[in-house]
């Protein structure tokens, strides 16, 4: 942005001034002409936003939102009566020549090392 004396200011300084102007907004009658032009510009933008927000279309409560149809429809279906038991891996047949290995549960001895023991 170009200042009144023709110099340019960096973007970081401008954004900080705009943020300050937005956070410390005051009505036009209470503003000082000695404030930075960027701050005054941001406050005038805020004036325009406030004027558009007070338009007659938005003052009525029934017009403040737009009802939307639901995006998803959820249905509850009946259960599947033909399923008698869950299909687990342990119910599958093993390939020829394969054997099942028993499950092991780890234990920790006094030294803190892990020992695997058979579940038999």
PDB file of N, CA and C in Angstrom:
ATOM      1  N   UNK A   1       0.841  -1.171   0.000  1.00  0.00           N
ATOM      2  CA  UNK A   1       0.000   0.000   0.000  1.00  0.00           C
ATOM      3  C   UNK A   1       0.889   1.238   0.000  1.00  0.00           C
ATOM      4  N   UNK A   2       0.397   2.306  -0.588  1.00  0.00           N
ATOM      5  CA  UNK A   2       1.144   3.546  -0.668  1.00  0.00           C
ATOM      6  C   UNK A   2       0.624   4.495   0.398  1.00  0.00           C
ATOM      7  N   UNK A   3       1.542   5.048   1.195  1.00  0.00           N
ATOM      8  CA  UNK A   3       1.152   6.000   2.229  1.00  0.00           C
ATOM      9  C   UNK A   3       0.903   7.371   1.604  1.00  0.00           C
ATOM     10  N   UNK A   4       0.414   8.295   2.402  1.00  0.00           N
ATOM     11  CA  UNK A   4       0.067   9.625   1.906  1.00  0.00           C
ATOM     12  C   UNK A   4       1.279  10.399   1.402  1.00  0.00           C
ATOM     13  N   UNK A   5       2.478  10.093   1.917  1.00  0.00           N
ATOM     14  CA  UNK A   5       3.669  10.810   1.467  1.00  0.00           C
ATOM     15  C   UNK A   5       4.317  10.144   0.258  1.00  0.00           C
ATOM     16  N   UNK A   6       3.721   9.095  -0.287  1.00  0.00           N
ATOM     17  CA  UNK A   6       4.231   8.440  -1.482  1.00  0.00           C
ATOM     18  C   UNK A   6       5.092   7.230  -1.207  1.00  0.00           C
ATOM     19  N   UNK A   7       5.457   6.974   0.038  1.00  0.00           N
ATOM     20  CA  UNK A   7       6.268   5.807   0.379  1.00  0.00           C
ATOM     21  C   UNK A   7       5.384   4.569   0.442  1.00  0.00           C
ATOM     22  N   UNK A   8       5.987   3.443   0.209  1.00  0.00           N
ATOM     23  CA  UNK A   8       5.254   2.181   0.353  1.00  0.00           C
ATOM     24  C   UNK A   8       5.638   1.552   1.686  1.00  0.00           C
ATOM     25  N   UNK A   9       4.701   0.801   2.258  1.00  0.00           N
ATOM     26  CA  UNK A   9       4.993   0.078   3.497  1.00  0.00           C
ATOM     27  C   UNK A   9       4.969  -1.408   3.186  1.00  0.00           C
ATOM     28  N   UNK A  10       5.701  -2.163   3.958  1.00  0.00           N
ATOM     29  CA  UNK A  10       5.733  -3.598   3.687  1.00  0.00           C
ATOM     30  C   UNK A  10       4.422  -4.248   4.108  1.00  0.00           C
ATOM     31  N   UNK A  11       4.185  -5.422   3.583  1.00  0.00           N
ATOM     32  CA  UNK A  11       2.910  -6.117   3.766  1.00  0.00           C
ATOM     33  C   UNK A  11       2.675  -6.491   5.220  1.00  0.00           C
ATOM     34  N   UNK A  12       3.729  -6.836   5.948  1.00  0.00           N
ATOM     35  CA  UNK A  12       3.578  -7.238   7.343  1.00  0.00           C
ATOM     36  C   UNK A  12       3.088  -6.061   8.185  1.00  0.00           C
ATOM     37  N   UNK A  13       3.691  -4.903   7.955  1.00  0.00           N
ATOM     38  CA  UNK A  13       3.270  -3.719   8.709  1.00  0.00           C
ATOM     39  C   UNK A  13       1.830  -3.353   8.365  1.00  0.00           C
ATOM     40  N   UNK A  14       1.494  -3.463   7.077  1.00  0.00           N
ATOM     41  CA  UNK A  14       0.124  -3.138   6.679  1.00  0.00           C
ATOM     42  C   UNK A  14      -0.883  -4.084   7.322  1.00  0.00           C
ATOM     43  N   UNK A  15      -0.587  -5.378   7.320  1.00  0.00           N
ATOM     44  CA  UNK A  15      -1.512  -6.348   7.927  1.00  0.00           C
ATOM     45  C   UNK A  15      -1.649  -6.113   9.428  1.00  0.00           C
ATOM     46  N   UNK A  16      -0.561  -5.763  10.089  1.00  0.00           N
ATOM     47  CA  UNK A  16      -0.645  -5.483  11.523  1.00  0.00           C
ATOM     48  C   UNK A  16      -1.487  -4.242  11.798  1.00  0.00           C
ATOM     49  N   UNK A  17      -1.322  -3.207  10.969  1.00  0.00           N
ATOM     50  CA  UNK A  17      -2.125  -1.997  11.134  1.00  0.00           C
ATOM     51  C   UNK A  17      -3.605  -2.278  10.862  1.00  0.00           C
ATOM     52  N   UNK A  18      -3.877  -3.098   9.837  1.00  0.00           N
ATOM     53  CA  UNK A  18      -5.273  -3.449   9.527  1.00  0.00           C
ATOM     54  C   UNK A  18      -5.897  -4.259  10.666  1.00  0.00           C
ATOM     55  N   UNK A  19      -5.123  -5.190  11.222  1.00  0.00           N
ATOM     56  CA  UNK A  19      -5.630  -5.976  12.349  1.00  0.00           C
ATOM     57  C   UNK A  19      -5.911  -5.078  13.552  1.00  0.00           C
ATOM     58  N   UNK A  20      -5.007  -4.141  13.807  1.00  0.00           N
ATOM     59  CA  UNK A  20      -5.226  -3.219  14.922  1.00  0.00           C
ATOM     60  C   UNK A  20      -6.468  -2.385  14.671  1.00  0.00           C
ATOM     61  N   UNK A  21      -6.650  -1.908  13.448  1.00  0.00           N
ATOM     62  CA  UNK A  21      -7.828  -1.110  13.119  1.00  0.00           C
ATOM     63  C   UNK A  21      -9.122  -1.888  13.263  1.00  0.00           C
ATOM     64  N   UNK A  22      -9.078  -3.180  12.940  1.00  0.00           N
ATOM     65  CA  UNK A  22     -10.285  -4.002  13.065  1.00  0.00           C
ATOM     66  C   UNK A  22     -10.579  -4.314  14.524  1.00  0.00           C
ATOM     67  N   UNK A  23      -9.546  -4.620  15.301  1.00  0.00           N
ATOM     68  CA  UNK A  23      -9.749  -4.961  16.710  1.00  0.00           C
ATOM     69  C   UNK A  23     -10.153  -3.755  17.554  1.00  0.00           C
ATOM     70  N   UNK A  24      -9.660  -2.584  17.198  1.00  0.00           N
ATOM     71  CA  UNK A  24      -9.935  -1.379  17.971  1.00  0.00           C
ATOM     72  C   UNK A  24     -10.881  -0.445  17.226  1.00  0.00           C
ATOM     73  N   UNK A  25     -11.867  -1.022  16.562  1.00  0.00           N
ATOM     74  CA  UNK A  25     -12.818  -0.240  15.766  1.00  0.00           C
ATOM     75  C   UNK A  25     -13.577   0.756  16.641  1.00  0.00           C
ATOM     76  N   UNK A  26     -13.712   1.982  16.137  1.00  0.00           N
ATOM     77  CA  UNK A  26     -14.536   3.008  16.783  1.00  0.00           C
ATOM     78  C   UNK A  26     -15.404   3.643  15.710  1.00  0.00           C
ATOM     79  N   UNK A  27     -16.552   4.179  16.074  1.00  0.00           N
ATOM     80  CA  UNK A  27     -17.409   4.842  15.089  1.00  0.00           C
ATOM     81  C   UNK A  27     -16.681   6.029  14.446  1.00  0.00           C
ATOM     82  N   UNK A  28     -17.120   6.443  13.251  1.00  0.00           N
ATOM     83  CA  UNK A  28     -16.422   7.531  12.531  1.00  0.00           C
ATOM     84  C   UNK A  28     -16.326   8.819  13.331  1.00  0.00           C
ATOM     85  N   UNK A  29     -17.293   9.136  14.156  1.00  0.00           N
ATOM     86  CA  UNK A  29     -17.261  10.392  14.913  1.00  0.00           C
ATOM     87  C   UNK A  29     -16.147  10.406  15.951  1.00  0.00           C
ATOM     88  N   UNK A  30     -15.696   9.238  16.404  1.00  0.00           N
ATOM     89  CA  UNK A  30     -14.685   9.168  17.455  1.00  0.00           C
ATOM     90  C   UNK A  30     -13.270   8.969  16.922  1.00  0.00           C
ATOM     91  N   UNK A  31     -13.091   8.913  15.607  1.00  0.00           N
ATOM     92  CA  UNK A  31     -11.767   8.668  15.031  1.00  0.00           C
ATOM     93  C   UNK A  31     -10.961   9.954  14.950  1.00  0.00           C
ATOM     94  N   UNK A  32      -9.666   9.795  15.112  1.00  0.00           N
ATOM     95  CA  UNK A  32      -8.759  10.941  15.014  1.00  0.00           C
ATOM     96  C   UNK A  32      -8.152  10.973  13.607  1.00  0.00           C
ATOM     97  N   UNK A  33      -8.009  12.139  13.058  1.00  0.00           N
ATOM     98  CA  UNK A  33      -7.418  12.282  11.725  1.00  0.00           C
ATOM     99  C   UNK A  33      -5.917  11.997  11.745  1.00  0.00           C
ATOM    100  N   UNK A  34      -5.318  11.971  12.922  1.00  0.00           N
ATOM    101  CA  UNK A  34      -3.880  11.720  13.019  1.00  0.00           C
ATOM    102  C   UNK A  34      -3.534  10.228  12.994  1.00  0.00           C
ATOM    103  N   UNK A  35      -4.527   9.364  12.996  1.00  0.00           N
ATOM    104  CA  UNK A  35      -4.258   7.928  12.939  1.00  0.00           C
ATOM    105  C   UNK A  35      -3.680   7.571  11.581  1.00  0.00           C
ATOM    106  N   UNK A  36      -3.035   6.442  11.535  1.00  0.00           N
ATOM    107  CA  UNK A  36      -2.393   5.976  10.302  1.00  0.00           C
ATOM    108  C   UNK A  36      -3.451   5.764   9.222  1.00  0.00           C
ATOM    109  N   UNK A  37      -3.145   6.104   7.957  1.00  0.00           N
ATOM    110  CA  UNK A  37      -4.129   5.939   6.877  1.00  0.00           C
ATOM    111  C   UNK A  37      -4.608   4.510   6.686  1.00  0.00           C
ATOM    112  N   UNK A  38      -3.755   3.530   6.947  1.00  0.00           N
ATOM    113  CA  UNK A  38      -4.166   2.122   6.813  1.00  0.00           C
ATOM    114  C   UNK A  38      -5.209   1.786   7.869  1.00  0.00           C
ATOM    115  N   UNK A  39      -5.024   2.277   9.083  1.00  0.00           N
ATOM    116  CA  UNK A  39      -5.991   2.031  10.162  1.00  0.00           C
ATOM    117  C   UNK A  39      -7.331   2.671   9.804  1.00  0.00           C
ATOM    118  N   UNK A  40      -7.285   3.899   9.314  1.00  0.00           N
ATOM    119  CA  UNK A  40      -8.530   4.573   8.924  1.00  0.00           C
ATOM    120  C   UNK A  40      -9.209   3.871   7.756  1.00  0.00           C
ATOM    121  N   UNK A  41      -8.409   3.359   6.811  1.00  0.00           N
ATOM    122  CA  UNK A  41      -8.978   2.616   5.677  1.00  0.00           C
ATOM    123  C   UNK A  41      -9.664   1.342   6.154  1.00  0.00           C
ATOM    124  N   UNK A  42      -9.028   0.625   7.074  1.00  0.00           N
ATOM    125  CA  UNK A  42      -9.629  -0.617   7.592  1.00  0.00           C
ATOM    126  C   UNK A  42     -10.911  -0.323   8.356  1.00  0.00           C
ATOM    127  N   UNK A  43     -10.925   0.764   9.111  1.00  0.00           N
ATOM    128  CA  UNK A  43     -12.149   1.114   9.842  1.00  0.00           C
ATOM    129  C   UNK A  43     -13.258   1.527   8.883  1.00  0.00           C
ATOM    130  N   UNK A  44     -12.908   2.159   7.766  1.00  0.00           N
ATOM    131  CA  UNK A  44     -13.952   2.501   6.782  1.00  0.00           C
ATOM    132  C   UNK A  44     -14.473   1.244   6.098  1.00  0.00           C
ATOM    133  N   UNK A  45     -13.610   0.253   5.883  1.00  0.00           N
ATOM    134  CA  UNK A  45     -14.086  -1.031   5.353  1.00  0.00           C
ATOM    135  C   UNK A  45     -15.043  -1.695   6.338  1.00  0.00           C
ATOM    136  N   UNK A  46     -14.715  -1.594   7.610  1.00  0.00           N
ATOM    137  CA  UNK A  46     -15.582  -2.156   8.653  1.00  0.00           C
ATOM    138  C   UNK A  46     -16.922  -1.419   8.684  1.00  0.00           C
ATOM    139  N   UNK A  47     -16.899  -0.095   8.439  1.00  0.00           N
ATOM    140  CA  UNK A  47     -18.156   0.666   8.350  1.00  0.00           C
ATOM    141  C   UNK A  47     -19.038   0.109   7.244  1.00  0.00           C
ATOM    142  N   UNK A  48     -18.434  -0.166   6.094  1.00  0.00           N
ATOM    143  CA  UNK A  48     -19.198  -0.702   4.957  1.00  0.00           C
ATOM    144  C   UNK A  48     -19.758  -2.081   5.284  1.00  0.00           C
ATOM    145  N   UNK A  49     -18.982  -2.916   5.985  1.00  0.00           N
ATOM    146  CA  UNK A  49     -19.467  -4.247   6.370  1.00  0.00           C
ATOM    147  C   UNK A  49     -20.648  -4.134   7.325  1.00  0.00           C
ATOM    148  N   UNK A  50     -20.561  -3.214   8.265  1.00  0.00           N
ATOM    149  CA  UNK A  50     -21.658  -3.044   9.215  1.00  0.00           C
ATOM    150  C   UNK A  50     -22.910  -2.508   8.528  1.00  0.00           C
ATOM    151  N   UNK A  51     -22.748  -1.631   7.541  1.00  0.00           N
ATOM    152  CA  UNK A  51     -23.905  -1.116   6.805  1.00  0.00           C
ATOM    153  C   UNK A  51     -24.582  -2.218   6.005  1.00  0.00           C
ATOM    154  N   UNK A  52     -23.807  -3.101   5.390  1.00  0.00           N
ATOM    155  CA  UNK A  52     -24.404  -4.190   4.610  1.00  0.00           C
ATOM    156  C   UNK A  52     -25.051  -5.227   5.517  1.00  0.00           C
ATOM    157  N   UNK A  53     -24.562  -5.356   6.753  1.00  0.00           N
ATOM    158  CA  UNK A  53     -25.134  -6.330   7.689  1.00  0.00           C
ATOM    159  C   UNK A  53     -26.465  -5.864   8.251  1.00  0.00           C
ATOM    160  N   UNK A  54     -26.778  -4.573   8.181  1.00  0.00           N
ATOM    161  CA  UNK A  54     -27.994  -4.026   8.750  1.00  0.00           C
ATOM    162  C   UNK A  54     -29.056  -3.822   7.662  1.00  0.00           C
ATOM    163  N   UNK A  55     -28.877  -4.473   6.534  1.00  0.00           N
ATOM    164  CA  UNK A  55     -29.859  -4.327   5.467  1.00  0.00           C
ATOM    165  C   UNK A  55     -31.189  -4.931   5.889  1.00  0.00           C
ATOM    166  N   UNK A  56     -32.334  -4.475   5.316  1.00  0.00           N
ATOM    167  CA  UNK A  56     -33.649  -4.962   5.747  1.00  0.00           C
ATOM    168  C   UNK A  56     -33.858  -6.458   5.537  1.00  0.00           C
ATOM    169  N   UNK A  57     -33.142  -7.060   4.595  1.00  0.00           N
ATOM    170  CA  UNK A  57     -33.335  -8.494   4.351  1.00  0.00           C
ATOM    171  C   UNK A  57     -32.846  -9.356   5.508  1.00  0.00           C
ATOM    172  N   UNK A  58     -31.865  -8.858   6.270  1.00  0.00           N
ATOM    173  CA  UNK A  58     -31.294  -9.683   7.335  1.00  0.00           C
ATOM    174  C   UNK A  58     -31.815  -9.343   8.724  1.00  0.00           C
ATOM    175  N   UNK A  59     -32.670  -8.331   8.854  1.00  0.00           N
ATOM    176  CA  UNK A  59     -33.130  -7.961  10.188  1.00  0.00           C
ATOM    177  C   UNK A  59     -34.242  -8.867  10.687  1.00  0.00           C
ATOM    178  N   UNK A  60     -34.992  -9.493   9.811  1.00  0.00           N
ATOM    179  CA  UNK A  60     -36.071 -10.384  10.223  1.00  0.00           C
ATOM    180  C   UNK A  60     -35.479 -11.731  10.612  1.00  0.00           C
ATOM    181  N   UNK A  61     -35.838 -12.286  11.785  1.00  0.00           N
ATOM    182  CA  UNK A  61     -35.221 -13.541  12.233  1.00  0.00           C
ATOM    183  C   UNK A  61     -35.479 -14.711  11.295  1.00  0.00           C
ATOM    184  N   UNK A  62     -36.625 -14.734  10.653  1.00  0.00           N
ATOM    185  CA  UNK A  62     -36.923 -15.867   9.780  1.00  0.00           C
ATOM    186  C   UNK A  62     -36.056 -15.856   8.530  1.00  0.00           C
ATOM    187  N   UNK A  63     -35.484 -14.726   8.186  1.00  0.00           N
ATOM    188  CA  UNK A  63     -34.652 -14.630   6.992  1.00  0.00           C
ATOM    189  C   UNK A  63     -33.166 -14.742   7.304  1.00  0.00           C
ATOM    190  N   UNK A  64     -32.810 -15.034   8.515  1.00  0.00           N
ATOM    191  CA  UNK A  64     -31.400 -15.070   8.889  1.00  0.00           C
ATOM    192  C   UNK A  64     -30.724 -16.399   8.579  1.00  0.00           C
ATOM    193  N   UNK A  65     -31.465 -17.422   8.159  1.00  0.00           N
ATOM    194  CA  UNK A  65     -30.843 -18.680   7.800  1.00  0.00           C
ATOM    195  C   UNK A  65     -31.594 -19.298   6.628  1.00  0.00           C
ATOM    196  N   UNK A  66     -30.927 -20.199   5.945  1.00  0.00           N
ATOM    197  CA  UNK A  66     -31.523 -20.890   4.807  1.00  0.00           C
ATOM    198  C   UNK A  66     -31.646 -22.358   5.192  1.00  0.00           C
ATOM    199  N   UNK A  67     -32.858 -22.891   5.243  1.00  0.00           N
ATOM    200  CA  UNK A  67     -32.987 -24.316   5.570  1.00  0.00           C
ATOM    201  C   UNK A  67     -32.493 -25.169   4.409  1.00  0.00           C
ATOM    202  N   UNK A  68     -31.726 -26.175   4.731  1.00  0.00           N
ATOM    203  CA  UNK A  68     -31.184 -27.062   3.713  1.00  0.00           C
ATOM    204  C   UNK A  68     -31.721 -28.470   3.923  1.00  0.00           C
ATOM    205  N   UNK A  69     -31.923 -29.205   2.839  1.00  0.00           N
ATOM    206  CA  UNK A  69     -32.351 -30.597   3.005  1.00  0.00           C
ATOM    207  C   UNK A  69     -31.205 -31.417   3.580  1.00  0.00           C
ATOM    208  N   UNK A  70     -31.502 -32.509   4.263  1.00  0.00           N
ATOM    209  CA  UNK A  70     -30.429 -33.335   4.821  1.00  0.00           C
ATOM    210  C   UNK A  70     -29.563 -33.909   3.705  1.00  0.00           C
ATOM    211  N   UNK A  71     -28.280 -33.998   3.954  1.00  0.00           N
ATOM    212  CA  UNK A  71     -27.347 -34.480   2.945  1.00  0.00           C
ATOM    213  C   UNK A  71     -27.332 -36.006   2.861  1.00  0.00           C
ATOM    214  N   UNK A  72     -27.642 -36.678   3.942  1.00  0.00           N
ATOM    215  CA  UNK A  72     -27.625 -38.149   3.954  1.00  0.00           C
ATOM    216  C   UNK A  72     -28.921 -38.660   4.557  1.00  0.00           C
ATOM    217  N   UNK A  73     -29.356 -39.759   4.045  1.00  0.00           N
ATOM    218  CA  UNK A  73     -30.533 -40.406   4.592  1.00  0.00           C
ATOM    219  C   UNK A  73     -30.091 -41.730   5.215  1.00  0.00           C
ATOM    220  N   UNK A  74     -30.421 -41.927   6.467  1.00  0.00           N
ATOM    221  CA  UNK A  74     -30.036 -43.144   7.166  1.00  0.00           C
ATOM    222  C   UNK A  74     -31.245 -44.054   7.288  1.00  0.00           C
ATOM    223  N   UNK A  75     -31.042 -45.306   6.985  1.00  0.00           N
ATOM    224  CA  UNK A  75     -32.116 -46.281   7.087  1.00  0.00           C
ATOM    225  C   UNK A  75     -31.660 -47.416   7.996  1.00  0.00           C
ATOM    226  N   UNK A  76     -32.572 -47.951   8.778  1.00  0.00           N
ATOM    227  CA  UNK A  76     -32.283 -49.092   9.639  1.00  0.00           C
ATOM    228  C   UNK A  76     -32.903 -50.311   8.981  1.00  0.00           C
ATOM    229  N   UNK A  77     -32.041 -51.243   8.612  1.00  0.00           N
ATOM    230  CA  UNK A  77     -32.497 -52.439   7.925  1.00  0.00           C
ATOM    231  C   UNK A  77     -32.705 -53.569   8.925  1.00  0.00           C
ATOM    232  N   UNK A  78     -33.493 -54.537   8.543  1.00  0.00           N
ATOM    233  CA  UNK A  78     -33.736 -55.704   9.392  1.00  0.00           C
ATOM    234  C   UNK A  78     -32.454 -56.531   9.507  1.00  0.00           C
ATOM    235  N   UNK A  79     -32.359 -57.356  10.561  1.00  0.00           N
ATOM    236  CA  UNK A  79     -31.178 -58.191  10.741  1.00  0.00           C
ATOM    237  C   UNK A  79     -31.166 -59.309   9.702  1.00  0.00           C
ATOM    238  N   UNK A  80     -30.029 -59.970   9.602  1.00  0.00           N
ATOM    239  CA  UNK A  80     -29.870 -61.063   8.652  1.00  0.00           C
ATOM    240  C   UNK A  80     -30.110 -62.386   9.376  1.00  0.00           C
ATOM    241  N   UNK A  81     -31.280 -62.959   9.263  1.00  0.00           N
ATOM    242  CA  UNK A  81     -31.579 -64.172  10.039  1.00  0.00           C
ATOM    243  C   UNK A  81     -30.834 -65.411   9.557  1.00  0.00           C
ATOM    244  N   UNK A  82     -30.301 -65.442   8.342  1.00  0.00           N
ATOM    245  CA  UNK A  82     -29.639 -66.640   7.839  1.00  0.00           C
ATOM    246  C   UNK A  82     -28.201 -66.791   8.349  1.00  0.00           C
ATOM    247  N   UNK A  83     -27.641 -65.799   9.017  1.00  0.00           N
ATOM    248  CA  UNK A  83     -26.293 -65.895   9.571  1.00  0.00           C
ATOM    249  C   UNK A  83     -26.406 -66.506  10.958  1.00  0.00           C
ATOM    250  N   UNK A  84     -25.821 -67.693  11.116  1.00  0.00           N
ATOM    251  CA  UNK A  84     -25.944 -68.394  12.396  1.00  0.00           C
ATOM    252  C   UNK A  84     -24.750 -68.165  13.313  1.00  0.00           C
ATOM    253  N   UNK A  85     -23.552 -67.973  12.748  1.00  0.00           N
ATOM    254  CA  UNK A  85     -22.371 -67.736  13.557  1.00  0.00           C
ATOM    255  C   UNK A  85     -21.389 -66.871  12.775  1.00  0.00           C
ATOM    256  N   UNK A  86     -20.501 -66.208  13.461  1.00  0.00           N
ATOM    257  CA  UNK A  86     -19.548 -65.364  12.745  1.00  0.00           C
ATOM    258  C   UNK A  86     -18.536 -66.195  11.971  1.00  0.00           C
ATOM    259  N   UNK A  87     -18.077 -65.643  10.877  1.00  0.00           N
ATOM    260  CA  UNK A  87     -17.091 -66.316  10.046  1.00  0.00           C
ATOM    261  C   UNK A  87     -15.713 -65.866  10.500  1.00  0.00           C
ATOM    262  N   UNK A  88     -15.105 -66.640  11.383  1.00  0.00           N
ATOM    263  CA  UNK A  88     -13.807 -66.293  11.937  1.00  0.00           C
ATOM    264  C   UNK A  88     -12.706 -67.064  11.242  1.00  0.00           C
ATOM    265  N   UNK A  89     -11.490 -66.588  11.365  1.00  0.00           N
ATOM    266  CA  UNK A  89     -10.345 -67.225  10.732  1.00  0.00           C
ATOM    267  C   UNK A  89     -10.144 -68.633  11.277  1.00  0.00           C
ATOM    268  N   UNK A  90     -10.407 -68.866  12.549  1.00  0.00           N
ATOM    269  CA  UNK A  90     -10.160 -70.189  13.129  1.00  0.00           C
ATOM    270  C   UNK A  90     -11.097 -71.260  12.562  1.00  0.00           C
ATOM    271  N   UNK A  91     -12.181 -70.878  11.923  1.00  0.00           N
ATOM    272  CA  UNK A  91     -13.114 -71.846  11.347  1.00  0.00           C
ATOM    273  C   UNK A  91     -12.708 -72.276   9.939  1.00  0.00           C
ATOM    274  N   UNK A  92     -11.716 -71.631   9.353  1.00  0.00           N
ATOM    275  CA  UNK A  92     -11.300 -71.972   7.998  1.00  0.00           C
ATOM    276  C   UNK A  92     -10.432 -73.216   8.016  1.00  0.00           C
ATOM    277  N   UNK A  93     -10.520 -73.954   6.935  1.00  0.00           N
ATOM    278  CA  UNK A  93      -9.724 -75.178   6.811  1.00  0.00           C
ATOM    279  C   UNK A  93      -8.287 -74.797   6.473  1.00  0.00           C
ATOM    280  N   UNK A  94      -7.337 -75.596   7.005  1.00  0.00           N
ATOM    281  CA  UNK A  94      -5.926 -75.369   6.729  1.00  0.00           C
ATOM    282  C   UNK A  94      -5.542 -76.034   5.418  1.00  0.00           C
ATOM    283  N   UNK A  95      -4.561 -75.489   4.731  1.00  0.00           N
ATOM    284  CA  UNK A  95      -4.071 -76.163   3.527  1.00  0.00           C
ATOM    285  C   UNK A  95      -3.446 -77.503   3.895  1.00  0.00           C
ATOM    286  N   UNK A  96      -3.332 -78.362   2.904  1.00  0.00           N
ATOM    287  CA  UNK A  96      -2.798 -79.711   3.141  1.00  0.00           C
ATOM    288  C   UNK A  96      -1.371 -79.613   3.679  1.00  0.00           C
ATOM    289  N   UNK A  97      -1.090 -80.341   4.735  1.00  0.00           N
ATOM    290  CA  UNK A  97       0.238 -80.391   5.328  1.00  0.00           C
ATOM    291  C   UNK A  97       0.504 -79.298   6.351  1.00  0.00           C
ATOM    292  N   UNK A  98      -0.362 -78.357   6.517  1.00  0.00           N
ATOM    293  CA  UNK A  98      -0.153 -77.285   7.483  1.00  0.00           C
ATOM    294  C   UNK A  98      -0.683 -77.698   8.844  1.00  0.00           C
ATOM    295  N   UNK A  99      -0.058 -77.216   9.879  1.00  0.00           N
ATOM    296  CA  UNK A  99      -0.517 -77.506  11.238  1.00  0.00           C
ATOM    297  C   UNK A  99      -0.748 -76.189  11.968  1.00  0.00           C
ATOM    298  N   UNK A 100      -1.616 -76.225  12.928  1.00  0.00           N
ATOM    299  CA  UNK A 100      -1.885 -75.035  13.740  1.00  0.00           C
ATOM    300  C   UNK A 100      -0.846 -74.958  14.861  1.00  0.00           C
ATOM    301  N   UNK A 101      -0.359 -73.753  15.099  1.00  0.00           N
ATOM    302  CA  UNK A 101       0.556 -73.555  16.216  1.00  0.00           C
ATOM    303  C   UNK A 101      -0.260 -72.967  17.365  1.00  0.00           C
ATOM    304  N   UNK A 102      -0.018 -73.418  18.575  1.00  0.00           N
ATOM    305  CA  UNK A 102      -0.784 -72.899  19.699  1.00  0.00           C
ATOM    306  C   UNK A 102      -0.449 -71.425  19.952  1.00  0.00           C
ATOM    307  N   UNK A 103      -1.398 -70.732  20.482  1.00  0.00           N
ATOM    308  CA  UNK A 103      -1.186 -69.336  20.831  1.00  0.00           C
ATOM    309  C   UNK A 103      -0.244 -69.241  22.015  1.00  0.00           C
ATOM    310  N   UNK A 104       0.549 -68.207  22.022  1.00  0.00           N
ATOM    311  CA  UNK A 104       1.472 -68.010  23.136  1.00  0.00           C
ATOM    312  C   UNK A 104       1.137 -66.708  23.834  1.00  0.00           C
ATOM    313  N   UNK A 105       1.368 -66.682  25.112  1.00  0.00           N
ATOM    314  CA  UNK A 105       1.156 -65.454  25.866  1.00  0.00           C
ATOM    315  C   UNK A 105       2.491 -65.042  26.471  1.00  0.00           C
ATOM    316  N   UNK A 106       2.905 -63.814  26.285  1.00  0.00           N
ATOM    317  CA  UNK A 106       4.203 -63.386  26.815  1.00  0.00           C
ATOM    318  C   UNK A 106       4.144 -63.193  28.332  1.00  0.00           C
ATOM    319  N   UNK A 107       5.274 -63.433  28.951  1.00  0.00           N
ATOM    320  CA  UNK A 107       5.405 -63.153  30.380  1.00  0.00           C
ATOM    321  C   UNK A 107       6.724 -62.430  30.599  1.00  0.00           C
ATOM    322  N   UNK A 108       6.809 -61.669  31.638  1.00  0.00           N
ATOM    323  CA  UNK A 108       8.014 -60.903  31.935  1.00  0.00           C
ATOM    324  C   UNK A 108       8.607 -61.459  33.224  1.00  0.00           C
ATOM    325  N   UNK A 109       9.887 -61.850  33.147  1.00  0.00           N
ATOM    326  CA  UNK A 109      10.527 -62.389  34.348  1.00  0.00           C
ATOM    327  C   UNK A 109      11.081 -61.255  35.210  1.00  0.00           C
ATOM    328  N   UNK A 110      11.776 -61.598  36.280  1.00  0.00           N
ATOM    329  CA  UNK A 110      12.262 -60.610  37.246  1.00  0.00           C
ATOM    330  C   UNK A 110      13.297 -59.662  36.638  1.00  0.00           C
ATOM    331  N   UNK A 111      14.026 -60.125  35.627  1.00  0.00           N
ATOM    332  CA  UNK A 111      15.050 -59.262  35.017  1.00  0.00           C
ATOM    333  C   UNK A 111      14.446 -58.296  34.003  1.00  0.00           C
ATOM    334  N   UNK A 112      13.165 -58.468  33.654  1.00  0.00           N
ATOM    335  CA  UNK A 112      12.498 -57.575  32.717  1.00  0.00           C
ATOM    336  C   UNK A 112      12.471 -58.078  31.305  1.00  0.00           C
ATOM    337  N   UNK A 113      13.018 -59.281  31.051  1.00  0.00           N
ATOM    338  CA  UNK A 113      13.001 -59.803  29.682  1.00  0.00           C
ATOM    339  C   UNK A 113      11.677 -60.519  29.430  1.00  0.00           C
ATOM    340  N   UNK A 114      11.292 -60.567  28.185  1.00  0.00           N
ATOM    341  CA  UNK A 114      10.001 -61.171  27.804  1.00  0.00           C
ATOM    342  C   UNK A 114      10.227 -62.622  27.441  1.00  0.00           C
ATOM    343  N   UNK A 115       9.436 -63.502  28.032  1.00  0.00           N
ATOM    344  CA  UNK A 115       9.470 -64.942  27.734  1.00  0.00           C
ATOM    345  C   UNK A 115       8.153 -65.335  27.104  1.00  0.00           C
ATOM    346  N   UNK A 116       8.226 -66.069  26.030  1.00  0.00           N
ATOM    347  CA  UNK A 116       7.000 -66.571  25.385  1.00  0.00           C
ATOM    348  C   UNK A 116       6.765 -67.991  25.822  1.00  0.00           C
ATOM    349  N   UNK A 117       5.567 -68.260  26.321  1.00  0.00           N
ATOM    350  CA  UNK A 117       5.225 -69.586  26.795  1.00  0.00           C
ATOM    351  C   UNK A 117       4.078 -70.127  25.978  1.00  0.00           C
ATOM    352  N   UNK A 118       4.016 -71.415  25.868  1.00  0.00           N
ATOM    353  CA  UNK A 118       2.928 -72.051  25.135  1.00  0.00           C
ATOM    354  C   UNK A 118       1.646 -71.962  25.946  1.00  0.00           C
ATOM    355  N   UNK A 119       0.509 -71.871  25.253  1.00  0.00           N
ATOM    356  CA  UNK A 119      -0.778 -71.746  25.934  1.00  0.00           C
ATOM    357  C   UNK A 119      -1.370 -73.087  26.318  1.00  0.00           C
ATOM    358  N   UNK A 120      -0.619 -74.161  26.106  1.00  0.00           N
ATOM    359  CA  UNK A 120      -1.153 -75.513  26.416  1.00  0.00           C
ATOM    360  C   UNK A 120      -1.479 -75.669  27.856  1.00  0.00           C
TER     361      UNK A 120
END
